[in-house]
């Protein structure tokens, strides 16, 4: 209890000395309010109300940023499990302590805590292309990052992170990485020119006249079908072929059944001995033609369905797909341009 009281007194004394330095941007009232807020934050931290203490210490830092205030912010962040942010603030406390030369205990403690976290906090280095525009923006977990800190390795918490880089005229770069404890990962960003929008006029070489509109002395360029269009019509063609095979199988089966009915009579069927071989062949054929016809019909439905789906979802294609119900079954009606 006595050590806690001594520590609280020393912290308050250090903060009061630091805040007592003349600061042009703050009034005496602001500094006095910051001292009282610091004392409240220390009490919250001692009571393990780290979220409340952190918010108060950050408000104090907005008035006067000192090594001791940064140390307090870092210790709250560490207690909350935000080790990467804690490491950054411990390092900031070290820099401020070296400049102030009035807080040797805080400086030593900040160095010790920073060294402990440095061994476990992962870092991520991001390498931009040498010709990346100055306006290139990098975001980690949707938060902007200072480009000057990229190559040095940014401390991040353990776990999954997303990286996104954007530059005018280039396609956005996006990737993700999962950082383990103590891991150091480097990611190289690739920026590629964005594809021109459909219908946008082509860039002209200086000195050239305006581009000739299609049809005025120049033929329209050949249109290459989209890969999904080709696959769609192949699937529909295969489905159509299977449908034809199914119909043929059904017709042959009916023909064989008619042969049996014409040559045999009675119940059970009685067939002349002269027709026995022909009837057996017809019966055997009818037995496998039925399942074959059903299987071919199912394949036809699948093929046409896949083709219709590809047409309906492919870009630059006006296609409608609708079911049609018949008395003996159903089918899909596909309307659109080939």
Protein backbone atom coordinates (compact mmCIF):
# COMPACT_ATOMS: atom_id res chain seq x y z
CA UNK A 1 0.00 0.00 0.00
CA UNK A 2 2.84 2.32 0.88
CA UNK A 3 4.65 1.61 -2.44
CA UNK A 4 1.45 2.34 -4.35
CA UNK A 5 1.03 5.65 -2.60
CA UNK A 6 4.68 6.55 -3.25
CA UNK A 7 4.29 5.59 -6.91
CA UNK A 8 1.15 7.70 -7.20
CA UNK A 9 2.89 10.65 -5.58
CA UNK A 10 5.90 10.35 -7.88
CA UNK A 11 3.67 10.10 -10.94
CA UNK A 12 1.73 13.15 -9.92
CA UNK A 13 4.93 15.05 -9.18
CA UNK A 14 6.46 14.16 -12.55
CA UNK A 15 3.27 15.12 -14.35
CA UNK A 16 2.99 18.41 -12.48
CA UNK A 17 6.60 19.31 -13.28
CA UNK A 18 6.13 18.44 -16.94
CA UNK A 19 2.86 20.30 -17.22
CA UNK A 20 4.31 23.30 -15.41
CA UNK A 21 6.60 24.02 -18.38
CA UNK A 22 5.38 27.06 -20.33
CA UNK A 23 3.21 26.05 -23.24
CA UNK A 24 1.92 28.77 -25.51
CA UNK A 25 -1.04 26.75 -26.85
CA UNK A 26 -2.54 25.98 -23.44
CA UNK A 27 -3.87 28.34 -20.81
CA UNK A 28 -3.21 28.02 -17.10
CA UNK A 29 -6.75 26.71 -16.69
CA UNK A 30 -6.14 23.97 -19.27
CA UNK A 31 -2.95 22.85 -17.53
CA UNK A 32 -4.60 22.83 -14.11
CA UNK A 33 -7.51 20.77 -15.48
CA UNK A 34 -5.02 18.36 -17.07
CA UNK A 35 -3.24 17.84 -13.72
CA UNK A 36 -6.51 17.00 -12.01
CA UNK A 37 -7.53 14.70 -14.86
CA UNK A 38 -4.17 12.92 -14.65
CA UNK A 39 -4.69 12.28 -10.92
CA UNK A 40 -8.17 10.87 -11.63
CA UNK A 41 -6.77 8.64 -14.38
CA UNK A 42 -4.06 7.26 -12.06
CA UNK A 43 -6.74 6.39 -9.51
CA UNK A 44 -8.78 4.63 -12.23
CA UNK A 45 -5.71 2.71 -13.37
CA UNK A 46 -4.90 1.59 -9.83
CA UNK A 47 -8.53 0.39 -9.56
CA UNK A 48 -8.04 -1.53 -12.84
CA UNK A 49 -10.56 0.58 -14.71
CA UNK A 50 -8.20 0.59 -17.67
CA UNK A 51 -10.65 1.75 -20.34
CA UNK A 52 -11.64 4.79 -18.28
CA UNK A 53 -8.05 5.55 -17.32
CA UNK A 54 -6.88 5.24 -20.94
CA UNK A 55 -9.45 7.74 -22.18
CA UNK A 56 -8.43 10.24 -19.49
CA UNK A 57 -4.69 9.83 -20.10
CA UNK A 58 -5.27 10.42 -23.82
CA UNK A 59 -7.12 13.65 -23.02
CA UNK A 60 -4.19 14.74 -20.86
CA UNK A 61 -1.78 13.96 -23.72
CA UNK A 62 -3.83 16.23 -26.00
CA UNK A 63 -2.99 19.10 -23.61
CA UNK A 64 0.61 18.17 -22.86
CA UNK A 65 2.35 15.05 -24.17
CA UNK A 66 5.05 13.86 -21.75
CA UNK A 67 7.03 10.66 -21.20
CA UNK A 68 5.05 9.85 -18.07
CA UNK A 69 1.67 10.36 -19.76
CA UNK A 70 2.73 8.15 -22.66
CA UNK A 71 3.99 5.51 -20.23
CA UNK A 72 0.60 5.51 -18.52
CA UNK A 73 -1.21 5.21 -21.86
CA UNK A 74 1.04 2.31 -22.87
CA UNK A 75 0.53 0.46 -19.59
CA UNK A 76 -3.27 0.74 -19.91
CA UNK A 77 -3.13 -0.55 -23.48
CA UNK A 78 -0.94 -3.46 -22.40
CA UNK A 79 -3.40 -4.33 -19.63
CA UNK A 80 -6.21 -4.31 -22.21
CA UNK A 81 -4.31 -6.75 -24.43
CA UNK A 82 -3.57 -4.18 -27.17
CA UNK A 83 0.12 -4.98 -27.17
CA UNK A 84 1.02 -3.47 -30.55
CA UNK A 85 -0.37 -0.07 -29.56
CA UNK A 86 1.29 -0.41 -26.15
CA UNK A 87 4.67 -1.01 -27.79
CA UNK A 88 4.25 2.09 -29.98
CA UNK A 89 3.45 4.23 -26.93
CA UNK A 90 6.32 2.80 -24.86
CA UNK A 91 8.67 3.72 -27.72
CA UNK A 92 7.15 7.21 -27.83
CA UNK A 93 7.68 7.49 -24.07
CA UNK A 94 11.35 6.61 -24.54
CA UNK A 95 11.80 9.35 -27.14
CA UNK A 96 10.07 11.93 -24.97
CA UNK A 97 12.03 10.84 -21.91
CA UNK A 98 15.32 11.24 -23.74
CA UNK A 99 14.31 14.78 -24.67
CA UNK A 100 12.98 15.76 -21.24
CA UNK A 101 15.90 14.36 -19.22
CA UNK A 102 13.76 14.76 -16.11
CA UNK A 103 12.09 11.34 -15.84
CA UNK A 104 14.88 8.71 -15.53
CA UNK A 105 12.62 6.17 -13.77
CA UNK A 106 9.91 6.49 -16.43
CA UNK A 107 12.52 6.29 -19.21
CA UNK A 108 14.03 3.11 -17.75
CA UNK A 109 10.61 1.49 -17.23
CA UNK A 110 9.51 2.38 -20.77
CA UNK A 111 12.65 0.80 -22.23
CA UNK A 112 12.15 -2.39 -20.22
CA UNK A 113 8.50 -2.76 -21.20
CA UNK A 114 9.26 -1.97 -24.86
CA UNK A 115 11.99 -4.62 -24.90
CA UNK A 116 9.62 -7.22 -23.43
CA UNK A 117 6.91 -6.49 -25.99
CA UNK A 118 9.39 -6.33 -28.86
CA UNK A 119 10.07 -10.05 -28.36
CA UNK A 120 6.42 -11.07 -28.82
CA UNK A 121 4.67 -8.41 -30.92
CA UNK A 122 4.67 -9.32 -34.67
CA UNK A 123 5.69 -6.77 -37.28
CA UNK A 124 4.54 -6.27 -40.86
CA UNK A 125 6.70 -4.62 -43.51
CA UNK A 126 5.06 -3.36 -46.72
CA UNK A 127 7.22 -2.68 -49.77
CA UNK A 128 5.82 -0.36 -52.43
CA UNK A 129 7.05 -0.35 -56.05
CA UNK A 130 9.90 2.06 -56.77
CA UNK A 131 7.67 3.97 -59.20
CA UNK A 132 4.64 4.15 -56.88
CA UNK A 133 3.03 7.62 -57.07
CA UNK A 134 3.45 9.92 -54.11
CA UNK A 135 -0.33 9.83 -53.68
CA UNK A 136 -0.36 6.07 -53.08
CA UNK A 137 -2.42 5.30 -49.98
CA UNK A 138 -1.88 2.21 -47.84
CA UNK A 139 -4.45 0.99 -45.31
CA UNK A 140 -4.16 -1.80 -42.77
CA UNK A 141 -7.47 -3.02 -41.39
CA UNK A 142 -9.03 0.01 -43.10
CA UNK A 143 -6.85 2.47 -41.15
CA UNK A 144 -4.46 4.73 -43.14
CA UNK A 145 -0.75 4.15 -42.57
CA UNK A 146 2.11 6.62 -42.87
CA UNK A 147 4.23 5.58 -45.87
CA UNK A 148 7.45 6.49 -44.05
CA UNK A 149 6.80 3.74 -41.49
CA UNK A 150 6.03 0.93 -43.95
CA UNK A 151 9.46 -0.54 -44.65
CA UNK A 152 10.57 -0.37 -41.02
CA UNK A 153 7.98 -2.87 -39.87
CA UNK A 154 4.70 -1.89 -38.27
CA UNK A 155 3.86 -3.52 -34.93
CA UNK A 156 0.49 -5.28 -35.13
CA UNK A 157 -1.45 -7.54 -32.83
CA UNK A 158 -1.44 -11.28 -33.39
CA UNK A 159 -4.14 -12.42 -35.82
CA UNK A 160 -5.70 -11.67 -39.20
CA UNK A 161 -5.10 -8.34 -40.97
CA UNK A 162 -6.08 -6.91 -44.36
CA UNK A 163 -3.80 -4.74 -46.48
CA UNK A 164 -5.05 -2.44 -49.23
CA UNK A 165 -3.09 -0.05 -51.45
CA UNK A 166 -4.60 2.42 -53.93
CA UNK A 167 -3.08 4.84 -56.40
CA UNK A 168 -4.70 7.03 -59.08
CA UNK A 169 -4.98 5.19 -62.39
CA UNK A 170 -4.07 1.78 -60.90
CA UNK A 171 -6.17 -1.17 -59.85
CA UNK A 172 -6.45 -1.48 -56.06
CA UNK A 173 -4.11 -3.98 -54.42
CA UNK A 174 -5.63 -6.04 -51.63
CA UNK A 175 -4.40 -9.03 -49.66
CA UNK A 176 -4.59 -10.50 -46.18
CA UNK A 177 -2.12 -12.00 -43.73
CA UNK A 178 -2.31 -13.81 -40.40
CA UNK A 179 0.50 -12.79 -38.07
CA UNK A 180 1.81 -15.20 -35.42
CA UNK A 181 3.42 -14.13 -32.18
CA UNK A 182 6.97 -12.81 -32.77
CA UNK A 183 6.45 -13.11 -36.53
CA UNK A 184 8.03 -10.69 -38.99
CA UNK A 185 6.30 -10.69 -42.39
CA UNK A 186 7.09 -8.63 -45.50
CA UNK A 187 4.57 -8.03 -48.30
CA UNK A 188 5.38 -6.49 -51.69
CA UNK A 189 2.61 -4.39 -53.20
CA UNK A 190 1.95 -4.71 -56.93
CA UNK A 191 0.21 -1.82 -58.70
CA UNK A 192 -1.12 -2.48 -62.21
CA UNK A 193 -2.78 0.05 -64.54
CA UNK A 194 -6.53 -0.13 -64.37
CA UNK A 195 -8.34 -1.41 -67.47
CA UNK A 196 -10.10 1.38 -69.43
CA UNK A 197 -13.84 1.58 -69.04
CA UNK A 198 -15.95 0.13 -71.82
CA UNK A 199 -16.80 2.82 -74.35
CA UNK A 200 -14.07 5.19 -73.14
CA UNK A 201 -12.22 6.91 -76.01
CA UNK A 202 -8.73 5.59 -76.67
CA UNK A 203 -5.78 7.78 -75.77
CA UNK A 204 -4.40 9.76 -78.73
CA UNK A 205 -0.79 10.36 -79.52
CA UNK A 206 0.09 14.08 -79.49
CA UNK A 207 -0.08 15.50 -83.02
CA UNK A 208 -2.64 13.02 -84.27
CA UNK A 209 -6.10 14.04 -85.34
CA UNK A 210 -9.28 12.78 -83.75
CA UNK A 211 -9.94 9.08 -83.98
CA UNK A 212 -12.08 7.98 -86.93
CA UNK A 213 -15.51 6.83 -85.76
CA UNK A 214 -16.32 3.21 -86.57
CA UNK A 215 -17.94 2.96 -89.97
CA UNK A 216 -16.23 6.06 -91.44
CA UNK A 217 -13.57 4.42 -93.56
CA UNK A 218 -12.72 1.90 -90.82
CA UNK A 219 -14.44 -1.38 -90.03
CA UNK A 220 -15.62 -2.13 -86.56
CA UNK A 221 -13.07 -4.25 -84.68
CA UNK A 222 -14.01 -7.91 -84.36
CA UNK A 223 -15.89 -8.72 -81.18
CA UNK A 224 -14.44 -11.60 -79.22
CA UNK A 225 -17.13 -13.56 -77.45
CA UNK A 226 -16.87 -13.72 -73.69
CA UNK A 227 -15.57 -17.13 -72.47
CA UNK A 228 -18.74 -17.69 -70.49
CA UNK A 229 -20.81 -17.17 -73.69
CA UNK A 230 -18.89 -19.91 -75.47
CA UNK A 231 -19.22 -22.29 -72.54
CA UNK A 232 -22.92 -21.52 -72.27
CA UNK A 233 -23.70 -22.43 -75.85
CA UNK A 234 -21.52 -25.54 -75.66
CA UNK A 235 -23.49 -26.67 -72.60
CA UNK A 236 -26.78 -25.95 -74.34
CA UNK A 237 -25.58 -27.83 -77.43
CA UNK A 238 -24.60 -30.86 -75.37
CA UNK A 239 -27.96 -30.70 -73.60
CA UNK A 240 -29.75 -30.59 -76.93
CA UNK A 241 -27.83 -33.60 -78.20
CA UNK A 242 -28.69 -35.54 -75.06
CA UNK A 243 -32.35 -34.58 -75.48
CA UNK A 244 -32.35 -35.93 -79.04
CA UNK A 245 -30.75 -39.16 -77.79
CA UNK A 246 -33.41 -39.45 -75.10
CA UNK A 247 -36.22 -39.05 -77.62
CA UNK A 248 -34.65 -41.65 -79.93
CA UNK A 249 -34.33 -44.11 -77.03
CA UNK A 250 -37.97 -43.63 -76.07
CA UNK A 251 -39.07 -44.15 -79.71
CA UNK A 252 -37.02 -47.34 -80.05
CA UNK A 253 -38.38 -48.64 -76.74
CA UNK A 254 -41.95 -48.03 -77.87
CA UNK A 255 -41.19 -49.81 -81.15
CA UNK A 256 -39.85 -52.86 -79.31
CA UNK A 257 -42.86 -52.89 -76.99
CA UNK A 258 -45.15 -52.74 -80.06
CA UNK A 259 -43.26 -55.70 -81.56
CA UNK A 260 -43.91 -57.75 -78.42
CA UNK A 261 -47.59 -56.75 -78.32
CA UNK A 262 -48.10 -57.63 -82.00
CA UNK A 263 -46.36 -61.02 -81.83
CA UNK A 264 -47.68 -62.19 -78.47
CA UNK A 265 -51.11 -62.35 -76.88
CA UNK A 266 -52.82 -63.42 -73.72
CA UNK A 267 -51.95 -62.98 -70.07
CA UNK A 268 -49.34 -64.08 -69.41
CA UNK A 269 -48.01 -63.39 -72.89
CA UNK A 270 -47.78 -66.36 -75.18
CA UNK A 271 -45.58 -66.02 -78.25
CA UNK A 272 -45.26 -68.32 -81.28
CA UNK A 273 -42.08 -70.34 -81.30
CA UNK A 274 -41.18 -68.85 -84.70
CA UNK A 275 -41.19 -65.35 -83.14
CA UNK A 276 -39.46 -66.32 -79.87
CA UNK A 277 -36.01 -65.02 -80.84
CA UNK A 278 -37.37 -61.74 -82.17
CA UNK A 279 -39.53 -61.19 -79.09
CA UNK A 280 -36.60 -61.90 -76.71
CA UNK A 281 -34.41 -59.40 -78.54
CA UNK A 282 -37.16 -56.78 -78.39
CA UNK A 283 -37.73 -57.41 -74.66
CA UNK A 284 -33.98 -57.14 -73.84
CA UNK A 285 -33.65 -53.92 -75.82
CA UNK A 286 -36.71 -52.35 -74.19
CA UNK A 287 -35.32 -53.11 -70.71
CA UNK A 288 -32.20 -50.95 -71.17
CA UNK A 289 -33.67 -48.35 -73.54
CA UNK A 290 -36.03 -47.06 -70.83
CA UNK A 291 -33.34 -46.21 -68.21
CA UNK A 292 -31.07 -44.88 -70.97
CA UNK A 293 -33.77 -42.50 -72.18
CA UNK A 294 -34.38 -41.24 -68.63
CA UNK A 295 -30.64 -40.72 -68.02
CA UNK A 296 -30.20 -38.85 -71.30
CA UNK A 297 -33.21 -36.65 -70.48
CA UNK A 298 -31.74 -35.80 -67.07
CA UNK A 299 -28.40 -34.94 -68.67
CA UNK A 300 -30.18 -32.73 -71.19
CA UNK A 301 -31.92 -30.78 -68.42
CA UNK A 302 -28.61 -30.29 -66.60
CA UNK A 303 -26.76 -29.18 -69.74
CA UNK A 304 -29.42 -26.71 -70.83
CA UNK A 305 -29.78 -25.44 -67.25
CA UNK A 306 -26.03 -24.77 -66.94
CA UNK A 307 -25.94 -23.04 -70.31
CA UNK A 308 -28.92 -20.89 -69.45
CA UNK A 309 -27.35 -19.92 -66.11
CA UNK A 310 -24.08 -18.95 -67.80
CA UNK A 311 -25.94 -16.81 -70.31
CA UNK A 312 -28.05 -15.17 -67.64
CA UNK A 313 -25.04 -14.27 -65.47
CA UNK A 314 -22.50 -13.40 -68.17
CA UNK A 315 -21.67 -9.70 -68.77
CA UNK A 316 -23.03 -7.71 -71.73
CA UNK A 317 -25.64 -10.28 -72.50
CA UNK A 318 -29.39 -9.78 -72.66
CA UNK A 319 -30.88 -13.17 -71.87
CA UNK A 320 -34.07 -14.29 -70.24
CA UNK A 321 -34.72 -17.76 -68.89
CA UNK A 322 -38.21 -18.95 -68.03
CA UNK A 323 -39.75 -22.34 -67.31
CA UNK A 324 -42.46 -23.71 -69.57
CA UNK A 325 -44.78 -26.47 -68.41
CA UNK A 326 -46.25 -28.97 -70.88
CA UNK A 327 -48.87 -31.62 -70.37
CA UNK A 328 -46.27 -34.42 -70.21
CA UNK A 329 -43.34 -32.52 -68.68
CA UNK A 330 -41.54 -29.19 -68.80
CA UNK A 331 -38.64 -27.34 -70.32
CA UNK A 332 -36.59 -24.13 -70.03
CA UNK A 333 -37.11 -21.36 -72.57
CA UNK A 334 -33.96 -19.32 -73.24
CA UNK A 335 -34.25 -16.02 -75.11
CA UNK A 336 -31.31 -13.80 -75.97
CA UNK A 337 -28.54 -12.91 -78.40
CA UNK A 338 -25.93 -15.42 -79.43
